[in-house]
Amino acid sequence: MAHSLLRQFSSSPRKLYLVFLTFLAIACSGLSATAFTTSRQYNNNRGSYDSRRAFLPRRTSLTRIAGQASTGKSGGKLIVTQEEYDCVLEESKENGKALTLVFFTASWCGPCRQTLPAVRAVRAEHAENLNIYEVDVDESGDIVASTGIESVPTIFVMLEGKLLDFTVGSVTEGVLKNVVKAGFKKMKK
């Protein structure tokens, strides 16, 4: 692969240099090529767009750095790390009087935005005995890998650390309320 890229860019020393820097950065940092993204910037000197490879660091929430809990778009607590997800599972095991709903979402996902009103309505209706958490799959790769999430939105309904039910894809308020009600029925038994 590297040889074909070098042959492709050998006509231009500048392009060859950029390819070299990209490979060097990947080799030195131990990162995969997915950590690099193409940025397009307007070049006033040439009156055109410049495409170049740029390293973009992973986004970090400032509230996470300050140690404060963040709230997701659904109103649930935002989970970012595997440790936080493990704490949620432990909390669910200890608190058998409340269901736990985990909403796996992404900022770019249209069906996730369609599901948000349903999650908010269920949260408002069952605020006292339903704990809602939100996981942004773009920021929480460890959690996605450990749970096996393959599509968003995905909603887990758990009781005592065990998965009772889940939904994949956009759901309406009525469907989500039925899933949660079924969880409450299992909780009462």
N, C-alpha and C. Protein backbone atom coordinates (compact mmCIF):
# COMPACT_ATOMS: atom_id res chain seq x y z
N MET A 1 0.82 -1.18 0.00
CA MET A 1 0.00 0.00 0.00
C MET A 1 0.87 1.26 0.00
N ALA A 2 1.91 1.26 0.82
CA ALA A 2 2.76 2.44 0.92
C ALA A 2 3.47 2.71 -0.40
N HIS A 3 3.90 1.63 -1.09
CA HIS A 3 4.61 1.82 -2.36
C HIS A 3 3.71 2.45 -3.42
N SER A 4 2.45 2.01 -3.47
CA SER A 4 1.54 2.58 -4.46
C SER A 4 1.26 4.05 -4.17
N LEU A 5 1.17 4.40 -2.89
CA LEU A 5 0.97 5.81 -2.53
C LEU A 5 2.18 6.65 -2.91
N LEU A 6 3.37 6.10 -2.66
CA LEU A 6 4.58 6.85 -2.99
C LEU A 6 4.70 7.07 -4.49
N ARG A 7 4.38 6.04 -5.29
CA ARG A 7 4.42 6.20 -6.74
C ARG A 7 3.41 7.26 -7.20
N GLN A 8 2.25 7.26 -6.53
CA GLN A 8 1.19 8.19 -6.91
C GLN A 8 1.59 9.64 -6.64
N PHE A 9 2.32 9.88 -5.57
CA PHE A 9 2.66 11.24 -5.18
C PHE A 9 4.10 11.62 -5.52
N SER A 10 4.84 10.76 -6.22
CA SER A 10 6.24 11.05 -6.50
C SER A 10 6.43 12.22 -7.46
N SER A 11 5.39 12.58 -8.19
CA SER A 11 5.51 13.69 -9.14
C SER A 11 5.59 15.04 -8.43
N SER A 12 5.08 15.13 -7.23
CA SER A 12 5.09 16.39 -6.51
C SER A 12 5.84 16.22 -5.18
N PRO A 13 6.95 16.92 -5.00
CA PRO A 13 7.71 16.81 -3.75
C PRO A 13 6.88 17.22 -2.53
N ARG A 14 6.03 18.22 -2.68
CA ARG A 14 5.22 18.68 -1.54
C ARG A 14 4.24 17.59 -1.10
N LYS A 15 3.58 16.95 -2.07
CA LYS A 15 2.65 15.87 -1.74
C LYS A 15 3.38 14.69 -1.12
N LEU A 16 4.55 14.37 -1.66
CA LEU A 16 5.35 13.28 -1.12
C LEU A 16 5.74 13.57 0.32
N TYR A 17 6.11 14.81 0.59
CA TYR A 17 6.48 15.22 1.94
C TYR A 17 5.29 15.07 2.90
N LEU A 18 4.09 15.47 2.48
CA LEU A 18 2.90 15.34 3.32
C LEU A 18 2.57 13.87 3.60
N VAL A 19 2.72 13.01 2.59
CA VAL A 19 2.49 11.58 2.79
C VAL A 19 3.50 11.02 3.78
N PHE A 20 4.76 11.44 3.63
CA PHE A 20 5.81 11.00 4.54
C PHE A 20 5.49 11.41 5.98
N LEU A 21 5.08 12.65 6.18
CA LEU A 21 4.74 13.13 7.52
C LEU A 21 3.56 12.36 8.11
N THR A 22 2.59 12.04 7.29
CA THR A 22 1.44 11.28 7.76
C THR A 22 1.86 9.90 8.25
N PHE A 23 2.66 9.19 7.42
CA PHE A 23 3.13 7.86 7.83
C PHE A 23 4.02 7.95 9.06
N LEU A 24 4.85 8.96 9.14
CA LEU A 24 5.72 9.14 10.29
C LEU A 24 4.91 9.36 11.56
N ALA A 25 3.89 10.18 11.47
CA ALA A 25 3.05 10.45 12.64
C ALA A 25 2.33 9.19 13.09
N ILE A 26 1.85 8.39 12.15
CA ILE A 26 1.17 7.14 12.51
C ILE A 26 2.15 6.19 13.17
N ALA A 27 3.34 6.05 12.60
CA ALA A 27 4.33 5.12 13.13
C ALA A 27 4.81 5.54 14.52
N CYS A 28 5.04 6.82 14.73
CA CYS A 28 5.57 7.30 16.00
C CYS A 28 4.54 7.30 17.11
N SER A 29 3.31 7.56 16.79
CA SER A 29 2.30 7.69 17.84
C SER A 29 1.62 6.38 18.17
N GLY A 30 1.74 5.39 17.30
CA GLY A 30 1.07 4.12 17.55
C GLY A 30 -0.42 4.19 17.29
N LEU A 31 -0.88 5.24 16.62
CA LEU A 31 -2.29 5.39 16.33
C LEU A 31 -2.64 4.71 15.03
N SER A 32 -3.89 4.37 14.87
CA SER A 32 -4.34 3.81 13.60
C SER A 32 -4.64 4.95 12.64
N ALA A 33 -4.80 4.62 11.39
CA ALA A 33 -5.07 5.64 10.38
C ALA A 33 -6.42 6.29 10.58
N THR A 34 -7.31 5.69 11.37
CA THR A 34 -8.61 6.28 11.60
C THR A 34 -8.53 7.53 12.47
N ALA A 35 -7.40 7.74 13.12
CA ALA A 35 -7.25 8.93 13.95
C ALA A 35 -6.98 10.17 13.10
N PHE A 36 -6.74 9.97 11.81
CA PHE A 36 -6.47 11.08 10.92
C PHE A 36 -7.71 11.37 10.09
N THR A 37 -7.92 12.63 9.83
CA THR A 37 -9.08 13.00 9.04
C THR A 37 -8.67 14.07 8.03
N THR A 38 -9.41 14.17 6.97
CA THR A 38 -9.10 15.17 5.95
C THR A 38 -9.77 16.48 6.31
N SER A 39 -9.02 17.54 6.27
CA SER A 39 -9.62 18.86 6.48
C SER A 39 -9.50 19.64 5.18
N ARG A 40 -10.51 20.41 4.88
CA ARG A 40 -10.48 21.24 3.67
C ARG A 40 -10.47 22.70 4.12
N GLN A 41 -9.47 23.43 3.67
CA GLN A 41 -9.36 24.83 4.02
C GLN A 41 -9.26 25.66 2.74
N TYR A 42 -9.86 26.82 2.78
CA TYR A 42 -9.82 27.70 1.61
C TYR A 42 -8.48 28.41 1.59
N ASN A 43 -7.80 28.35 0.47
CA ASN A 43 -6.50 28.99 0.30
C ASN A 43 -6.70 30.26 -0.52
N ASN A 44 -6.56 31.41 0.13
CA ASN A 44 -6.77 32.69 -0.55
C ASN A 44 -5.73 32.96 -1.63
N ASN A 45 -4.52 32.45 -1.45
CA ASN A 45 -3.46 32.69 -2.43
C ASN A 45 -3.78 32.06 -3.78
N ARG A 46 -4.36 30.86 -3.75
CA ARG A 46 -4.64 30.17 -5.00
C ARG A 46 -6.10 30.25 -5.40
N GLY A 47 -6.96 30.76 -4.52
CA GLY A 47 -8.38 30.86 -4.82
C GLY A 47 -9.05 29.51 -4.94
N SER A 48 -8.58 28.54 -4.15
CA SER A 48 -9.17 27.20 -4.21
C SER A 48 -9.10 26.56 -2.83
N TYR A 49 -9.64 25.36 -2.75
CA TYR A 49 -9.61 24.63 -1.49
C TYR A 49 -8.37 23.75 -1.43
N ASP A 50 -7.79 23.69 -0.27
CA ASP A 50 -6.61 22.87 -0.01
C ASP A 50 -7.05 21.66 0.80
N SER A 51 -6.82 20.48 0.32
CA SER A 51 -7.10 19.28 1.11
C SER A 51 -5.80 18.80 1.71
N ARG A 52 -5.80 18.57 2.99
CA ARG A 52 -4.60 18.05 3.62
C ARG A 52 -5.00 17.16 4.79
N ARG A 53 -4.10 16.31 5.17
CA ARG A 53 -4.34 15.41 6.28
C ARG A 53 -3.97 16.15 7.56
N ALA A 54 -4.84 16.07 8.53
CA ALA A 54 -4.58 16.77 9.78
C ALA A 54 -4.94 15.85 10.94
N PHE A 55 -4.13 15.88 11.96
CA PHE A 55 -4.42 15.08 13.14
C PHE A 55 -5.40 15.86 14.01
N LEU A 56 -6.51 15.25 14.31
CA LEU A 56 -7.49 15.89 15.18
C LEU A 56 -7.55 15.13 16.49
N PRO A 57 -7.26 15.77 17.61
CA PRO A 57 -7.31 15.07 18.88
C PRO A 57 -8.74 14.72 19.25
N ARG A 58 -8.90 13.70 20.06
CA ARG A 58 -10.20 13.27 20.52
C ARG A 58 -10.82 14.38 21.37
N ARG A 59 -12.13 14.61 21.18
CA ARG A 59 -12.82 15.65 21.94
C ARG A 59 -12.92 15.24 23.41
N THR A 60 -12.67 16.19 24.28
CA THR A 60 -12.80 15.94 25.70
C THR A 60 -13.73 16.99 26.28
N SER A 61 -14.71 16.56 27.01
CA SER A 61 -15.66 17.48 27.61
C SER A 61 -14.99 18.23 28.75
N LEU A 62 -15.14 19.54 28.79
CA LEU A 62 -14.54 20.33 29.86
C LEU A 62 -15.16 20.02 31.20
N THR A 63 -16.44 19.64 31.22
CA THR A 63 -17.05 19.29 32.50
C THR A 63 -16.47 17.99 33.03
N ARG A 64 -16.02 17.10 32.16
CA ARG A 64 -15.38 15.87 32.60
C ARG A 64 -14.06 16.19 33.28
N ILE A 65 -13.33 17.15 32.71
CA ILE A 65 -12.05 17.52 33.29
C ILE A 65 -12.26 18.12 34.67
N ALA A 66 -13.29 18.91 34.82
CA ALA A 66 -13.58 19.55 36.10
C ALA A 66 -14.15 18.57 37.12
N GLY A 67 -14.51 17.36 36.69
CA GLY A 67 -15.02 16.36 37.61
C GLY A 67 -16.51 16.46 37.84
N GLN A 68 -17.22 17.23 37.04
CA GLN A 68 -18.66 17.37 37.20
C GLN A 68 -19.36 16.41 36.27
N ALA A 69 -20.52 15.93 36.68
CA ALA A 69 -21.30 15.03 35.84
C ALA A 69 -21.97 15.83 34.73
N SER A 70 -21.89 15.31 33.52
CA SER A 70 -22.53 15.95 32.38
C SER A 70 -23.90 15.37 32.17
N THR A 71 -24.76 16.16 31.54
CA THR A 71 -26.09 15.70 31.19
C THR A 71 -26.18 15.61 29.68
N GLY A 72 -26.70 14.49 29.19
CA GLY A 72 -26.86 14.30 27.75
C GLY A 72 -28.08 15.02 27.23
N LYS A 73 -28.30 14.93 25.93
CA LYS A 73 -29.44 15.60 25.30
C LYS A 73 -30.76 15.02 25.76
N SER A 74 -30.75 13.76 26.19
CA SER A 74 -31.97 13.12 26.66
C SER A 74 -32.32 13.53 28.08
N GLY A 75 -31.41 14.22 28.75
CA GLY A 75 -31.62 14.58 30.14
C GLY A 75 -30.99 13.58 31.08
N GLY A 76 -30.51 12.47 30.54
CA GLY A 76 -29.85 11.46 31.36
C GLY A 76 -28.39 11.82 31.60
N LYS A 77 -27.79 11.13 32.55
CA LYS A 77 -26.38 11.36 32.85
C LYS A 77 -25.53 10.81 31.71
N LEU A 78 -24.54 11.58 31.28
CA LEU A 78 -23.69 11.20 30.17
C LEU A 78 -22.56 10.29 30.67
N ILE A 79 -22.40 9.15 30.01
CA ILE A 79 -21.34 8.19 30.36
C ILE A 79 -20.31 8.23 29.24
N VAL A 80 -19.03 8.35 29.59
CA VAL A 80 -17.99 8.41 28.58
C VAL A 80 -17.01 7.24 28.69
N THR A 81 -16.62 6.87 29.90
CA THR A 81 -15.59 5.85 30.07
C THR A 81 -16.19 4.51 30.48
N GLN A 82 -15.40 3.46 30.27
CA GLN A 82 -15.81 2.12 30.67
C GLN A 82 -16.00 2.04 32.19
N GLU A 83 -15.17 2.76 32.94
CA GLU A 83 -15.29 2.76 34.40
C GLU A 83 -16.64 3.33 34.83
N GLU A 84 -17.08 4.39 34.16
CA GLU A 84 -18.39 4.97 34.48
C GLU A 84 -19.51 3.98 34.16
N TYR A 85 -19.38 3.27 33.04
CA TYR A 85 -20.40 2.28 32.67
C TYR A 85 -20.43 1.14 33.69
N ASP A 86 -19.26 0.70 34.14
CA ASP A 86 -19.20 -0.35 35.16
C ASP A 86 -19.86 0.11 36.46
N CYS A 87 -19.67 1.38 36.81
CA CYS A 87 -20.32 1.93 38.01
C CYS A 87 -21.84 1.94 37.85
N VAL A 88 -22.32 2.24 36.65
CA VAL A 88 -23.76 2.21 36.38
C VAL A 88 -24.30 0.81 36.59
N LEU A 89 -23.58 -0.20 36.10
CA LEU A 89 -24.01 -1.59 36.28
C LEU A 89 -24.03 -1.97 37.76
N GLU A 90 -23.00 -1.56 38.50
CA GLU A 90 -22.95 -1.84 39.93
C GLU A 90 -24.10 -1.15 40.66
N GLU A 91 -24.35 0.09 40.29
CA GLU A 91 -25.45 0.85 40.89
C GLU A 91 -26.79 0.17 40.60
N SER A 92 -26.93 -0.35 39.40
CA SER A 92 -28.16 -1.04 39.01
C SER A 92 -28.33 -2.32 39.82
N LYS A 93 -27.23 -3.02 40.10
CA LYS A 93 -27.30 -4.25 40.90
C LYS A 93 -27.72 -3.95 42.33
N GLU A 94 -27.18 -2.87 42.89
CA GLU A 94 -27.46 -2.51 44.27
C GLU A 94 -28.85 -1.94 44.46
N ASN A 95 -29.35 -1.21 43.46
CA ASN A 95 -30.64 -0.54 43.58
C ASN A 95 -31.68 -1.32 42.79
N GLY A 96 -32.30 -2.30 43.42
CA GLY A 96 -33.32 -3.12 42.75
C GLY A 96 -34.67 -2.45 42.67
N LYS A 97 -34.80 -1.22 43.20
CA LYS A 97 -36.08 -0.52 43.20
C LYS A 97 -36.24 0.40 42.00
N ALA A 98 -35.24 0.45 41.14
CA ALA A 98 -35.32 1.34 39.98
C ALA A 98 -34.78 0.62 38.74
N LEU A 99 -35.42 0.89 37.62
CA LEU A 99 -34.92 0.39 36.34
C LEU A 99 -33.81 1.31 35.86
N THR A 100 -32.94 0.77 35.03
CA THR A 100 -31.88 1.55 34.42
C THR A 100 -32.07 1.52 32.91
N LEU A 101 -32.11 2.70 32.28
CA LEU A 101 -32.23 2.81 30.84
C LEU A 101 -30.95 3.45 30.32
N VAL A 102 -30.28 2.77 29.39
CA VAL A 102 -29.06 3.30 28.78
C VAL A 102 -29.34 3.56 27.31
N PHE A 103 -29.18 4.82 26.90
CA PHE A 103 -29.49 5.27 25.55
C PHE A 103 -28.18 5.48 24.80
N PHE A 104 -27.88 4.59 23.83
CA PHE A 104 -26.68 4.70 23.00
C PHE A 104 -27.04 5.56 21.79
N THR A 105 -26.31 6.64 21.61
CA THR A 105 -26.67 7.63 20.59
C THR A 105 -25.42 8.21 19.93
N ALA A 106 -25.63 9.04 18.93
CA ALA A 106 -24.54 9.77 18.27
C ALA A 106 -25.08 11.12 17.81
N SER A 107 -24.24 12.13 17.82
CA SER A 107 -24.68 13.48 17.46
C SER A 107 -25.09 13.58 15.99
N TRP A 108 -24.52 12.77 15.13
CA TRP A 108 -24.79 12.83 13.69
C TRP A 108 -25.98 11.97 13.28
N CYS A 109 -26.58 11.23 14.20
CA CYS A 109 -27.58 10.20 13.89
C CYS A 109 -28.99 10.78 13.86
N GLY A 110 -29.62 10.75 12.68
CA GLY A 110 -31.00 11.23 12.53
C GLY A 110 -32.01 10.43 13.34
N PRO A 111 -32.00 9.09 13.28
CA PRO A 111 -32.93 8.30 14.10
C PRO A 111 -32.76 8.54 15.60
N CYS A 112 -31.53 8.86 16.02
CA CYS A 112 -31.30 9.17 17.44
C CYS A 112 -32.05 10.44 17.82
N ARG A 113 -32.01 11.44 16.94
CA ARG A 113 -32.73 12.69 17.21
C ARG A 113 -34.24 12.45 17.22
N GLN A 114 -34.72 11.51 16.40
CA GLN A 114 -36.15 11.18 16.40
C GLN A 114 -36.55 10.46 17.68
N THR A 115 -35.64 9.72 18.29
CA THR A 115 -35.93 8.96 19.50
C THR A 115 -35.84 9.82 20.76
N LEU A 116 -35.12 10.93 20.70
CA LEU A 116 -34.93 11.79 21.88
C LEU A 116 -36.24 12.20 22.57
N PRO A 117 -37.28 12.65 21.86
CA PRO A 117 -38.52 13.03 22.55
C PRO A 117 -39.15 11.86 23.32
N ALA A 118 -39.03 10.66 22.79
CA ALA A 118 -39.58 9.49 23.49
C ALA A 118 -38.82 9.23 24.79
N VAL A 119 -37.50 9.34 24.75
CA VAL A 119 -36.69 9.13 25.96
C VAL A 119 -37.00 10.22 26.99
N ARG A 120 -37.13 11.46 26.53
CA ARG A 120 -37.46 12.56 27.46
C ARG A 120 -38.83 12.36 28.09
N ALA A 121 -39.81 11.90 27.31
CA ALA A 121 -41.17 11.68 27.84
C ALA A 121 -41.17 10.57 28.88
N VAL A 122 -40.45 9.49 28.62
CA VAL A 122 -40.37 8.39 29.58
C VAL A 122 -39.66 8.85 30.84
N ARG A 123 -38.62 9.66 30.68
CA ARG A 123 -37.89 10.19 31.85
C ARG A 123 -38.81 11.06 32.70
N ALA A 124 -39.61 11.90 32.06
CA ALA A 124 -40.52 12.78 32.80
C ALA A 124 -41.60 11.98 33.52
N GLU A 125 -42.08 10.92 32.89
CA GLU A 125 -43.16 10.13 33.48
C GLU A 125 -42.68 9.24 34.63
N HIS A 126 -41.47 8.73 34.54
CA HIS A 126 -40.97 7.77 35.54
C HIS A 126 -39.71 8.27 36.22
N ALA A 127 -39.63 9.55 36.52
CA ALA A 127 -38.41 10.15 37.07
C ALA A 127 -37.99 9.53 38.40
N GLU A 128 -38.94 9.11 39.21
CA GLU A 128 -38.60 8.63 40.56
C GLU A 128 -38.05 7.21 40.58
N ASN A 129 -38.40 6.37 39.61
CA ASN A 129 -37.91 4.99 39.65
C ASN A 129 -37.34 4.51 38.32
N LEU A 130 -36.72 5.44 37.57
CA LEU A 130 -36.05 5.09 36.33
C LEU A 130 -34.79 5.94 36.21
N ASN A 131 -33.64 5.29 36.20
CA ASN A 131 -32.36 5.99 36.02
C ASN A 131 -31.99 5.96 34.55
N ILE A 132 -31.79 7.13 33.95
CA ILE A 132 -31.47 7.21 32.53
C ILE A 132 -30.03 7.68 32.35
N TYR A 133 -29.32 6.94 31.49
CA TYR A 133 -27.94 7.27 31.15
C TYR A 133 -27.83 7.35 29.64
N GLU A 134 -26.90 8.18 29.17
CA GLU A 134 -26.70 8.37 27.74
C GLU A 134 -25.24 8.11 27.40
N VAL A 135 -25.01 7.35 26.33
CA VAL A 135 -23.66 7.04 25.87
C VAL A 135 -23.52 7.53 24.43
N ASP A 136 -22.59 8.46 24.19
CA ASP A 136 -22.29 8.90 22.83
C ASP A 136 -21.27 7.92 22.26
N VAL A 137 -21.67 7.16 21.25
CA VAL A 137 -20.82 6.08 20.74
C VAL A 137 -19.52 6.60 20.12
N ASP A 138 -19.50 7.85 19.67
CA ASP A 138 -18.28 8.42 19.09
C ASP A 138 -17.23 8.71 20.15
N GLU A 139 -17.66 8.99 21.36
CA GLU A 139 -16.73 9.33 22.44
C GLU A 139 -16.44 8.14 23.34
N SER A 140 -17.19 7.06 23.21
CA SER A 140 -17.10 5.95 24.16
C SER A 140 -16.89 4.62 23.44
N GLY A 141 -15.80 4.51 22.72
CA GLY A 141 -15.51 3.29 21.97
C GLY A 141 -15.36 2.06 22.84
N ASP A 142 -14.82 2.22 24.06
CA ASP A 142 -14.65 1.08 24.96
C ASP A 142 -15.99 0.47 25.33
N ILE A 143 -16.96 1.31 25.63
CA ILE A 143 -18.29 0.82 26.02
C ILE A 143 -18.97 0.15 24.84
N VAL A 144 -18.85 0.74 23.67
CA VAL A 144 -19.45 0.16 22.47
C VAL A 144 -18.87 -1.23 22.21
N ALA A 145 -17.56 -1.37 22.36
CA ALA A 145 -16.91 -2.66 22.13
C ALA A 145 -17.34 -3.69 23.17
N SER A 146 -17.45 -3.28 24.43
CA SER A 146 -17.80 -4.24 25.48
C SER A 146 -19.27 -4.66 25.43
N THR A 147 -20.14 -3.81 24.93
CA THR A 147 -21.56 -4.15 24.88
C THR A 147 -21.97 -4.76 23.55
N GLY A 148 -21.15 -4.60 22.53
CA GLY A 148 -21.47 -5.17 21.22
C GLY A 148 -22.48 -4.36 20.43
N ILE A 149 -22.57 -3.07 20.71
CA ILE A 149 -23.49 -2.20 19.99
C ILE A 149 -23.04 -2.11 18.53
N GLU A 150 -23.96 -2.37 17.61
CA GLU A 150 -23.63 -2.31 16.19
C GLU A 150 -24.41 -1.23 15.45
N SER A 151 -25.44 -0.68 16.09
CA SER A 151 -26.29 0.30 15.44
C SER A 151 -26.81 1.29 16.47
N VAL A 152 -27.02 2.52 16.04
CA VAL A 152 -27.61 3.52 16.93
C VAL A 152 -28.88 4.05 16.29
N PRO A 153 -29.85 4.42 17.06
CA PRO A 153 -29.92 4.35 18.51
C PRO A 153 -30.20 2.93 19.00
N THR A 154 -29.61 2.61 20.13
CA THR A 154 -29.90 1.37 20.85
C THR A 154 -30.23 1.76 22.28
N ILE A 155 -31.26 1.15 22.82
CA ILE A 155 -31.67 1.43 24.19
C ILE A 155 -31.68 0.13 24.97
N PHE A 156 -30.95 0.11 26.10
CA PHE A 156 -30.95 -1.02 27.02
C PHE A 156 -31.85 -0.68 28.19
N VAL A 157 -32.68 -1.63 28.61
CA VAL A 157 -33.45 -1.51 29.85
C VAL A 157 -32.93 -2.61 30.76
N MET A 158 -32.39 -2.21 31.92
CA MET A 158 -31.75 -3.16 32.83
C MET A 158 -32.37 -3.08 34.22
N LEU A 159 -32.31 -4.22 34.90
CA LEU A 159 -32.73 -4.31 36.29
C LEU A 159 -31.70 -5.16 37.02
N GLU A 160 -31.21 -4.64 38.12
CA GLU A 160 -30.21 -5.32 38.94
C GLU A 160 -29.01 -5.77 38.11
N GLY A 161 -28.58 -4.91 37.19
CA GLY A 161 -27.40 -5.18 36.38
C GLY A 161 -27.61 -6.15 35.24
N LYS A 162 -28.83 -6.64 35.07
CA LYS A 162 -29.13 -7.60 34.00
C LYS A 162 -29.99 -6.94 32.93
N LEU A 163 -29.70 -7.27 31.69
CA LEU A 163 -30.45 -6.72 30.56
C LEU A 163 -31.82 -7.38 30.49
N LEU A 164 -32.88 -6.57 30.62
CA LEU A 164 -34.24 -7.08 30.51
C LEU A 164 -34.73 -7.03 29.08
N ASP A 165 -34.48 -5.92 28.41
CA ASP A 165 -34.98 -5.72 27.06
C ASP A 165 -34.11 -4.66 26.38
N PHE A 166 -34.17 -4.62 25.07
CA PHE A 166 -33.45 -3.58 24.33
C PHE A 166 -34.19 -3.29 23.03
N THR A 167 -33.95 -2.09 22.52
CA THR A 167 -34.49 -1.70 21.22
C THR A 167 -33.34 -1.22 20.35
N VAL A 168 -33.46 -1.44 19.06
CA VAL A 168 -32.46 -0.97 18.09
C VAL A 168 -33.20 -0.19 17.03
N GLY A 169 -32.73 1.00 16.75
CA GLY A 169 -33.38 1.85 15.76
C GLY A 169 -34.31 2.85 16.42
N SER A 170 -34.86 3.71 15.61
CA SER A 170 -35.76 4.75 16.10
C SER A 170 -37.02 4.13 16.68
N VAL A 171 -37.42 4.59 17.86
CA VAL A 171 -38.65 4.09 18.49
C VAL A 171 -39.55 5.27 18.85
N THR A 172 -40.84 4.98 18.86
CA THR A 172 -41.81 6.01 19.23
C THR A 172 -41.97 6.02 20.74
N GLU A 173 -42.63 7.04 21.21
CA GLU A 173 -42.88 7.17 22.64
C GLU A 173 -43.69 5.99 23.17
N GLY A 174 -44.71 5.57 22.41
CA GLY A 174 -45.55 4.45 22.83
C GLY A 174 -44.78 3.15 22.97
N VAL A 175 -43.92 2.87 22.01
CA VAL A 175 -43.11 1.64 22.06
C VAL A 175 -42.17 1.67 23.25
N LEU A 176 -41.50 2.79 23.47
CA LEU A 176 -40.56 2.88 24.59
C LEU A 176 -41.29 2.79 25.93
N LYS A 177 -42.47 3.39 26.03
CA LYS A 177 -43.25 3.28 27.27
C LYS A 177 -43.64 1.83 27.53
N ASN A 178 -44.00 1.09 26.48
CA ASN A 178 -44.36 -0.32 26.65
C ASN A 178 -43.16 -1.15 27.11
N VAL A 179 -41.99 -0.86 26.58
CA VAL A 179 -40.78 -1.58 26.99
C VAL A 179 -40.48 -1.30 28.46
N VAL A 180 -40.60 -0.04 28.87
CA VAL A 180 -40.34 0.33 30.26
C VAL A 180 -41.40 -0.27 31.19
N LYS A 181 -42.67 -0.25 30.78
CA LYS A 181 -43.74 -0.85 31.59
C LYS A 181 -43.51 -2.34 31.79
N ALA A 182 -43.06 -3.02 30.73
CA ALA A 182 -42.75 -4.45 30.86
C ALA A 182 -41.61 -4.66 31.86
N GLY A 183 -40.65 -3.76 31.87
CA GLY A 183 -39.57 -3.83 32.85
C GLY A 183 -40.07 -3.63 34.27
N PHE A 184 -41.01 -2.70 34.46
CA PHE A 184 -41.57 -2.48 35.79
C PHE A 184 -42.36 -3.70 36.26
N LYS A 185 -43.06 -4.37 35.34
CA LYS A 185 -43.79 -5.58 35.70
C LYS A 185 -42.84 -6.67 36.17
N LYS A 186 -41.71 -6.81 35.50
CA LYS A 186 -40.71 -7.81 35.91
C LYS A 186 -40.09 -7.42 37.24
N MET A 187 -40.00 -6.12 37.50
CA MET A 187 -39.42 -5.65 38.74
C MET A 187 -40.32 -5.98 39.92
N LYS A 188 -41.63 -5.93 39.73
CA LYS A 188 -42.57 -6.19 40.82
C LYS A 188 -42.65 -7.66 41.19
N LYS A 189 -42.28 -8.54 40.26
CA LYS A 189 -42.36 -9.98 40.53
C LYS A 189 -41.32 -10.44 41.47
